[in-house]
Amino acid sequence: MKTNIGIIDRSLRIIIGVLLLAWAIPVGFPPMDYNWIGWIGIVPIITAIVGYCPLYGLLNLTTNGRTKIHA
């Protein structure tokens, strides 16, 4: 599995993931019923750490600056 996520894409994924996770933490009263949506922030963080996005793989995209060689 080759990386298909570039450094800028990784940085944005980490920022968005952290913001979503911060939204998932209940602060204030009463807690919102839809805070669970924030836990989706785990997905962009994991893809940023691994450097591979399955959706990019399916669509044959890359943001890491290297062009994909088609066999």
C-alpha atoms as a PDB file:
ATOM      1  CA  MET A   1       0.000   0.000   0.000  1.00  0.00           C
ATOM      2  CA  LYS A   2       1.621   3.220  -1.184  1.00  0.00           C
ATOM      3  CA  THR A   3       0.876   6.605   0.297  1.00  0.00           C
ATOM      4  CA  ASN A   4      -1.554   8.726  -1.666  1.00  0.00           C
ATOM      5  CA  ILE A   5      -1.895  11.673   0.732  1.00  0.00           C
ATOM      6  CA  GLY A   6       0.457  14.644   0.557  1.00  0.00           C
ATOM      7  CA  ILE A   7       1.755  16.745   3.450  1.00  0.00           C
ATOM      8  CA  ILE A   8      -0.806  19.549   3.043  1.00  0.00           C
ATOM      9  CA  ASP A   9      -3.643  17.031   2.805  1.00  0.00           C
ATOM     10  CA  ARG A  10      -2.361  15.255   5.936  1.00  0.00           C
ATOM     11  CA  SER A  11      -2.162  18.516   7.851  1.00  0.00           C
ATOM     12  CA  LEU A  12      -5.707  19.492   6.905  1.00  0.00           C
ATOM     13  CA  ARG A  13      -7.005  16.037   7.825  1.00  0.00           C
ATOM     14  CA  ILE A  14      -5.412  16.256  11.273  1.00  0.00           C
ATOM     15  CA  ILE A  15      -6.831  19.738  11.885  1.00  0.00           C
ATOM     16  CA  ILE A  16     -10.322  18.731  10.742  1.00  0.00           C
ATOM     17  CA  GLY A  17     -10.150  15.497  12.736  1.00  0.00           C
ATOM     18  CA  VAL A  18      -9.124  17.274  15.930  1.00  0.00           C
ATOM     19  CA  LEU A  19     -11.877  19.867  15.488  1.00  0.00           C
ATOM     20  CA  LEU A  20     -14.471  17.138  14.982  1.00  0.00           C
ATOM     21  CA  LEU A  21     -13.246  15.246  18.045  1.00  0.00           C
ATOM     22  CA  ALA A  22     -13.354  18.445  20.084  1.00  0.00           C
ATOM     23  CA  TRP A  23     -16.977  18.864  19.012  1.00  0.00           C
ATOM     24  CA  ALA A  24     -17.720  15.326  20.229  1.00  0.00           C
ATOM     25  CA  ILE A  25     -16.728  16.194  23.789  1.00  0.00           C
ATOM     26  CA  PRO A  26     -19.820  17.399  25.622  1.00  0.00           C
ATOM     27  CA  VAL A  27     -19.311  20.898  26.994  1.00  0.00           C
ATOM     28  CA  GLY A  28     -22.059  22.971  28.456  1.00  0.00           C
ATOM     29  CA  PHE A  29     -25.540  22.176  29.562  1.00  0.00           C
ATOM     30  CA  PRO A  30     -27.615  20.535  28.227  1.00  0.00           C
ATOM     31  CA  PRO A  31     -25.412  18.313  26.058  1.00  0.00           C
ATOM     32  CA  MET A  32     -26.343  18.214  22.383  1.00  0.00           C
ATOM     33  CA  ASP A  33     -27.880  15.031  21.011  1.00  0.00           C
ATOM     34  CA  TYR A  34     -25.754  15.020  17.872  1.00  0.00           C
ATOM     35  CA  ASN A  35     -22.267  15.243  19.424  1.00  0.00           C
ATOM     36  CA  TRP A  36     -21.635  11.660  18.330  1.00  0.00           C
ATOM     37  CA  ILE A  37     -21.073  12.937  14.788  1.00  0.00           C
ATOM     38  CA  GLY A  38     -17.796  14.411  16.007  1.00  0.00           C
ATOM     39  CA  TRP A  39     -16.359  10.924  16.531  1.00  0.00           C
ATOM     40  CA  ILE A  40     -16.153  10.675  12.741  1.00  0.00           C
ATOM     41  CA  GLY A  41     -13.017  12.815  13.238  1.00  0.00           C
ATOM     42  CA  ILE A  42     -11.114   9.610  13.994  1.00  0.00           C
ATOM     43  CA  VAL A  43     -11.246   8.661  10.298  1.00  0.00           C
ATOM     44  CA  PRO A  44      -9.300  11.656   8.897  1.00  0.00           C
ATOM     45  CA  ILE A  45      -6.765  11.388  11.724  1.00  0.00           C
ATOM     46  CA  ILE A  46      -6.114   7.705  10.994  1.00  0.00           C
ATOM     47  CA  THR A  47      -5.828   8.297   7.252  1.00  0.00           C
ATOM     48  CA  ALA A  48      -3.399  11.166   7.906  1.00  0.00           C
ATOM     49  CA  ILE A  49      -1.230   9.007  10.162  1.00  0.00           C
ATOM     50  CA  VAL A  50      -1.207   6.056   7.756  1.00  0.00           C
ATOM     51  CA  GLY A  51      -0.845   8.265   4.671  1.00  0.00           C
ATOM     52  CA  TYR A  52      -3.340   6.289   2.657  1.00  0.00           C
ATOM     53  CA  CYS A  53      -6.940   7.157   1.832  1.00  0.00           C
ATOM     54  CA  PRO A  54      -9.054   4.219   0.580  1.00  0.00           C
ATOM     55  CA  LEU A  55     -11.391   6.582  -1.293  1.00  0.00           C
ATOM     56  CA  TYR A  56      -8.439   8.124  -3.140  1.00  0.00           C
ATOM     57  CA  GLY A  57      -7.310   4.588  -3.968  1.00  0.00           C
ATOM     58  CA  LEU A  58     -10.690   3.713  -5.457  1.00  0.00           C
ATOM     59  CA  LEU A  59     -10.796   6.918  -7.482  1.00  0.00           C
ATOM     60  CA  ASN A  60      -7.128   6.573  -8.484  1.00  0.00           C
ATOM     61  CA  LEU A  61      -6.232   9.972  -6.998  1.00  0.00           C
ATOM     62  CA  THR A  62      -3.139  11.171  -5.190  1.00  0.00           C
ATOM     63  CA  THR A  63      -2.144  14.405  -3.464  1.00  0.00           C
ATOM     64  CA  ASN A  64       1.416  13.471  -2.572  1.00  0.00           C
ATOM     65  CA  GLY A  65       2.945  15.024  -5.688  1.00  0.00           C
ATOM     66  CA  ARG A  66       3.867  11.766  -7.347  1.00  0.00           C
ATOM     67  CA  THR A  67       1.952  10.694 -10.382  1.00  0.00           C
ATOM     68  CA  LYS A  68       0.428   7.248 -10.326  1.00  0.00           C
ATOM     69  CA  ILE A  69       1.717   4.874 -12.954  1.00  0.00           C
ATOM     70  CA  HIS A  70      -1.098   3.036 -14.669  1.00  0.00           C
ATOM     71  CA  ALA A  71      -0.297  -0.560 -15.517  1.00  0.00           C
END
